[in-house]
Amino acid sequence: MEYNLPAGSRGAVVLDYTKSSQGDLPPAYEVEFSDAHGITQALVTVREEDLEVVWRPDPDK
């Protein structure tokens, strides 16, 4: 398994490449995966179609 991350691993988007893309690349995000202690296990560029949003902050708070 690439990056030694099991399917379904949760991570945090730390960089949104869709904001700076000139349209020549598919939408992608830099995602940080951490263990239960907050230690980074992997920092991975992930295509938009491979992500599932499970939580996002409320912009009104």
Foldseek 3Di string as FASTA:
>chain_A
DPLPDDPPADWAFPAWCVVVDPPPDATWTFTFGADPVRHTSDTDIGGPVSDDDPDDDDPVD
